[in-house]
Amino acid sequence: MSTLLTLVVFMVIISWNIRASGDLMLAGPLTPQMKLLWGQKVLTLGLLESLWAFVSLKWLLPFFFDPLDLNKKQILVVVSGIVFSVASGIYAMLEAS
């Protein structure tokens, strides 16, 4: 049950992040205040996603399983999603100013 809850929390954070990024990138012309607000939201969700990924992969999941041996491709997929979220949030905030 705890493993499933860990993954569900991760999926909820990712879905919020994808929705916020989609609203930011696909919405019509936004005012600078709206871009700043959406950029902050995407940046916050990206940082929350990175924090939860680190905590769940480092401490929560190895507690229930043996230590996880992730290959480089799996780590690259997780890190690239986080970097994309953080970069798009920072870009939107810089574009708004």
N, C-alpha and C. Protein backbone atom coordinates (compact mmCIF):
# COMPACT_ATOMS: atom_id res chain seq x y z
N MET A 1 0.83 -1.20 0.00
CA MET A 1 0.00 0.00 0.00
C MET A 1 0.87 1.26 0.00
N SER A 2 1.95 1.25 0.76
CA SER A 2 2.82 2.44 0.82
C SER A 2 3.51 2.68 -0.51
N THR A 3 3.90 1.61 -1.19
CA THR A 3 4.55 1.77 -2.49
C THR A 3 3.58 2.39 -3.48
N LEU A 4 2.36 1.93 -3.48
CA LEU A 4 1.36 2.47 -4.38
C LEU A 4 1.07 3.93 -4.04
N LEU A 5 1.00 4.26 -2.78
CA LEU A 5 0.76 5.65 -2.37
C LEU A 5 1.92 6.55 -2.80
N THR A 6 3.14 6.06 -2.70
CA THR A 6 4.31 6.84 -3.15
C THR A 6 4.21 7.15 -4.64
N LEU A 7 3.85 6.14 -5.42
CA LEU A 7 3.72 6.34 -6.86
C LEU A 7 2.53 7.20 -7.23
N VAL A 8 1.44 7.09 -6.50
CA VAL A 8 0.26 7.92 -6.77
C VAL A 8 0.58 9.38 -6.50
N VAL A 9 1.28 9.68 -5.42
CA VAL A 9 1.66 11.06 -5.12
C VAL A 9 2.55 11.60 -6.24
N PHE A 10 3.49 10.79 -6.70
CA PHE A 10 4.37 11.21 -7.79
C PHE A 10 3.56 11.49 -9.05
N MET A 11 2.60 10.64 -9.38
CA MET A 11 1.77 10.83 -10.57
C MET A 11 0.89 12.07 -10.45
N VAL A 12 0.38 12.37 -9.26
CA VAL A 12 -0.44 13.56 -9.06
C VAL A 12 0.40 14.82 -9.28
N ILE A 13 1.61 14.83 -8.74
CA ILE A 13 2.50 15.99 -8.93
C ILE A 13 2.82 16.16 -10.41
N ILE A 14 3.10 15.08 -11.10
CA ILE A 14 3.42 15.16 -12.53
C ILE A 14 2.22 15.64 -13.33
N SER A 15 1.03 15.17 -13.01
CA SER A 15 -0.15 15.60 -13.76
C SER A 15 -0.44 17.08 -13.53
N TRP A 16 -0.30 17.56 -12.30
CA TRP A 16 -0.45 19.01 -12.04
C TRP A 16 0.58 19.80 -12.83
N ASN A 17 1.80 19.30 -12.87
CA ASN A 17 2.87 19.98 -13.57
C ASN A 17 2.61 20.02 -15.08
N ILE A 18 2.16 18.93 -15.64
CA ILE A 18 1.86 18.89 -17.08
C ILE A 18 0.70 19.82 -17.40
N ARG A 19 -0.30 19.83 -16.56
CA ARG A 19 -1.45 20.70 -16.81
C ARG A 19 -1.05 22.17 -16.71
N ALA A 20 -0.26 22.52 -15.70
CA ALA A 20 0.18 23.91 -15.55
C ALA A 20 1.08 24.32 -16.71
N SER A 21 1.97 23.43 -17.14
CA SER A 21 2.84 23.74 -18.28
C SER A 21 2.04 23.90 -19.56
N GLY A 22 1.05 23.05 -19.74
CA GLY A 22 0.19 23.18 -20.92
C GLY A 22 -0.60 24.46 -20.92
N ASP A 23 -1.13 24.84 -19.77
CA ASP A 23 -1.86 26.11 -19.68
C ASP A 23 -0.93 27.29 -19.95
N LEU A 24 0.29 27.20 -19.49
CA LEU A 24 1.25 28.28 -19.70
C LEU A 24 1.65 28.39 -21.17
N MET A 25 1.92 27.27 -21.81
CA MET A 25 2.43 27.31 -23.18
C MET A 25 1.33 27.42 -24.23
N LEU A 26 0.17 26.85 -23.97
CA LEU A 26 -0.86 26.78 -25.00
C LEU A 26 -1.97 27.81 -24.84
N ALA A 27 -1.95 28.57 -23.78
CA ALA A 27 -2.98 29.59 -23.58
C ALA A 27 -2.73 30.73 -24.56
N GLY A 28 -3.75 31.50 -24.76
CA GLY A 28 -3.62 32.66 -25.64
C GLY A 28 -2.66 33.67 -25.04
N PRO A 29 -2.68 34.88 -25.57
CA PRO A 29 -1.77 35.90 -25.04
C PRO A 29 -2.07 36.18 -23.56
N LEU A 30 -1.06 36.05 -22.75
CA LEU A 30 -1.21 36.26 -21.32
C LEU A 30 -0.58 37.60 -20.93
N THR A 31 -1.14 38.20 -19.91
CA THR A 31 -0.54 39.42 -19.38
C THR A 31 0.75 39.05 -18.65
N PRO A 32 1.65 40.00 -18.46
CA PRO A 32 2.89 39.68 -17.74
C PRO A 32 2.65 39.16 -16.32
N GLN A 33 1.61 39.65 -15.66
CA GLN A 33 1.32 39.15 -14.31
C GLN A 33 0.88 37.70 -14.35
N MET A 34 0.10 37.33 -15.37
CA MET A 34 -0.34 35.94 -15.50
C MET A 34 0.84 35.02 -15.85
N LYS A 35 1.74 35.49 -16.72
CA LYS A 35 2.91 34.69 -17.06
C LYS A 35 3.79 34.49 -15.83
N LEU A 36 3.94 35.53 -15.03
CA LEU A 36 4.74 35.42 -13.82
C LEU A 36 4.10 34.43 -12.85
N LEU A 37 2.79 34.51 -12.68
CA LEU A 37 2.08 33.60 -11.78
C LEU A 37 2.17 32.15 -12.26
N TRP A 38 1.93 31.91 -13.55
CA TRP A 38 2.01 30.55 -14.08
C TRP A 38 3.44 30.04 -14.07
N GLY A 39 4.39 30.93 -14.34
CA GLY A 39 5.80 30.53 -14.28
C GLY A 39 6.21 30.11 -12.88
N GLN A 40 5.74 30.86 -11.88
CA GLN A 40 6.03 30.49 -10.49
C GLN A 40 5.40 29.15 -10.14
N LYS A 41 4.19 28.93 -10.64
CA LYS A 41 3.50 27.66 -10.35
C LYS A 41 4.24 26.48 -10.98
N VAL A 42 4.67 26.64 -12.24
CA VAL A 42 5.40 25.56 -12.92
C VAL A 42 6.75 25.32 -12.24
N LEU A 43 7.43 26.39 -11.86
CA LEU A 43 8.71 26.26 -11.17
C LEU A 43 8.54 25.56 -9.83
N THR A 44 7.52 25.95 -9.08
CA THR A 44 7.27 25.32 -7.78
C THR A 44 6.94 23.84 -7.94
N LEU A 45 6.11 23.51 -8.92
CA LEU A 45 5.77 22.10 -9.14
C LEU A 45 6.98 21.31 -9.62
N GLY A 46 7.84 21.92 -10.42
CA GLY A 46 9.06 21.23 -10.85
C GLY A 46 9.99 20.95 -9.69
N LEU A 47 10.13 21.92 -8.79
CA LEU A 47 10.97 21.70 -7.61
C LEU A 47 10.35 20.68 -6.67
N LEU A 48 9.02 20.71 -6.53
CA LEU A 48 8.34 19.71 -5.71
C LEU A 48 8.50 18.31 -6.32
N GLU A 49 8.42 18.23 -7.64
CA GLU A 49 8.62 16.95 -8.32
C GLU A 49 10.03 16.42 -8.10
N SER A 50 11.01 17.30 -8.17
CA SER A 50 12.39 16.86 -7.95
C SER A 50 12.61 16.42 -6.51
N LEU A 51 12.04 17.14 -5.57
CA LEU A 51 12.16 16.77 -4.16
C LEU A 51 11.51 15.42 -3.90
N TRP A 52 10.30 15.22 -4.40
CA TRP A 52 9.60 13.96 -4.17
C TRP A 52 10.31 12.80 -4.87
N ALA A 53 10.84 13.03 -6.08
CA ALA A 53 11.57 11.98 -6.78
C ALA A 53 12.80 11.57 -5.98
N PHE A 54 13.52 12.55 -5.46
CA PHE A 54 14.72 12.25 -4.68
C PHE A 54 14.36 11.48 -3.41
N VAL A 55 13.35 11.97 -2.68
CA VAL A 55 12.96 11.31 -1.42
C VAL A 55 12.43 9.91 -1.68
N SER A 56 11.59 9.76 -2.69
CA SER A 56 11.00 8.43 -2.92
C SER A 56 12.03 7.44 -3.46
N LEU A 57 12.93 7.89 -4.34
CA LEU A 57 13.91 6.96 -4.89
C LEU A 57 15.05 6.67 -3.92
N LYS A 58 15.34 7.61 -3.04
CA LYS A 58 16.48 7.44 -2.13
C LYS A 58 16.07 6.73 -0.84
N TRP A 59 14.87 7.07 -0.30
CA TRP A 59 14.51 6.54 1.01
C TRP A 59 13.24 5.69 1.04
N LEU A 60 12.17 6.15 0.40
CA LEU A 60 10.89 5.45 0.55
C LEU A 60 10.85 4.10 -0.17
N LEU A 61 11.15 4.08 -1.45
CA LEU A 61 11.07 2.82 -2.19
C LEU A 61 12.12 1.81 -1.76
N PRO A 62 13.39 2.20 -1.50
CA PRO A 62 14.35 1.19 -1.01
C PRO A 62 13.99 0.63 0.36
N PHE A 63 13.18 1.35 1.13
CA PHE A 63 12.74 0.84 2.42
C PHE A 63 11.85 -0.39 2.22
N PHE A 64 11.04 -0.39 1.16
CA PHE A 64 10.13 -1.50 0.90
C PHE A 64 10.74 -2.56 0.00
N PHE A 65 11.67 -2.17 -0.85
CA PHE A 65 12.34 -3.10 -1.76
C PHE A 65 13.82 -3.12 -1.41
N ASP A 66 14.56 -3.91 -2.15
CA ASP A 66 16.01 -3.83 -2.06
C ASP A 66 16.43 -2.49 -2.67
N PRO A 67 17.66 -2.08 -2.47
CA PRO A 67 18.11 -0.83 -3.10
C PRO A 67 17.85 -0.84 -4.60
N LEU A 68 17.33 0.25 -5.09
CA LEU A 68 16.97 0.33 -6.50
C LEU A 68 18.21 0.55 -7.34
N ASP A 69 18.36 -0.26 -8.36
CA ASP A 69 19.46 -0.11 -9.30
C ASP A 69 18.88 0.42 -10.61
N LEU A 70 18.80 1.73 -10.73
CA LEU A 70 18.28 2.33 -11.95
C LEU A 70 19.41 2.51 -12.94
N ASN A 71 19.11 2.20 -14.21
CA ASN A 71 20.14 2.42 -15.22
C ASN A 71 20.14 3.89 -15.66
N LYS A 72 21.08 4.26 -16.49
CA LYS A 72 21.24 5.66 -16.86
C LYS A 72 20.06 6.18 -17.65
N LYS A 73 19.44 5.35 -18.46
CA LYS A 73 18.30 5.79 -19.27
C LYS A 73 17.11 6.15 -18.37
N GLN A 74 16.84 5.36 -17.35
CA GLN A 74 15.74 5.65 -16.43
C GLN A 74 16.01 6.94 -15.64
N ILE A 75 17.22 7.12 -15.19
CA ILE A 75 17.57 8.34 -14.47
C ILE A 75 17.46 9.54 -15.40
N LEU A 76 17.88 9.40 -16.66
CA LEU A 76 17.81 10.48 -17.63
C LEU A 76 16.37 10.91 -17.88
N VAL A 77 15.44 9.97 -17.95
CA VAL A 77 14.04 10.30 -18.17
C VAL A 77 13.48 11.11 -17.01
N VAL A 78 13.76 10.70 -15.78
CA VAL A 78 13.26 11.42 -14.60
C VAL A 78 13.87 12.81 -14.53
N VAL A 79 15.17 12.90 -14.71
CA VAL A 79 15.86 14.18 -14.60
C VAL A 79 15.47 15.14 -15.72
N SER A 80 15.27 14.63 -16.93
CA SER A 80 14.92 15.51 -18.04
C SER A 80 13.54 16.14 -17.85
N GLY A 81 12.60 15.39 -17.30
CA GLY A 81 11.29 15.97 -17.01
C GLY A 81 11.36 17.07 -15.97
N ILE A 82 12.17 16.85 -14.96
CA ILE A 82 12.33 17.84 -13.90
C ILE A 82 13.03 19.09 -14.45
N VAL A 83 14.08 18.89 -15.22
CA VAL A 83 14.82 20.03 -15.79
C VAL A 83 13.93 20.82 -16.74
N PHE A 84 13.13 20.14 -17.54
CA PHE A 84 12.22 20.83 -18.44
C PHE A 84 11.22 21.68 -17.67
N SER A 85 10.66 21.15 -16.59
CA SER A 85 9.70 21.90 -15.79
C SER A 85 10.33 23.13 -15.16
N VAL A 86 11.47 22.96 -14.55
CA VAL A 86 12.15 24.08 -13.89
C VAL A 86 12.57 25.12 -14.93
N ALA A 87 13.10 24.68 -16.05
CA ALA A 87 13.55 25.63 -17.08
C ALA A 87 12.37 26.40 -17.69
N SER A 88 11.26 25.74 -17.93
CA SER A 88 10.12 26.44 -18.51
C SER A 88 9.51 27.42 -17.50
N GLY A 89 9.53 27.09 -16.21
CA GLY A 89 9.05 28.03 -15.20
C GLY A 89 9.94 29.25 -15.10
N ILE A 90 11.25 29.04 -15.13
CA ILE A 90 12.19 30.17 -15.07
C ILE A 90 12.06 31.02 -16.33
N TYR A 91 11.93 30.39 -17.50
CA TYR A 91 11.79 31.13 -18.74
C TYR A 91 10.53 32.00 -18.73
N ALA A 92 9.41 31.45 -18.26
CA ALA A 92 8.17 32.21 -18.23
C ALA A 92 8.29 33.39 -17.25
N MET A 93 8.97 33.17 -16.13
CA MET A 93 9.13 34.27 -15.18
C MET A 93 10.04 35.36 -15.74
N LEU A 94 11.09 34.96 -16.44
CA LEU A 94 11.99 35.95 -17.04
C LEU A 94 11.30 36.69 -18.19
N GLU A 95 10.49 35.99 -18.95
CA GLU A 95 9.78 36.61 -20.05
C GLU A 95 8.74 37.61 -19.55
N ALA A 96 8.19 37.35 -18.36
CA ALA A 96 7.17 38.24 -17.80
C ALA A 96 7.77 39.54 -17.29
N SER A 97 9.06 39.51 -16.89
CA SER A 97 9.63 40.73 -16.33
C SER A 97 10.17 41.65 -17.39
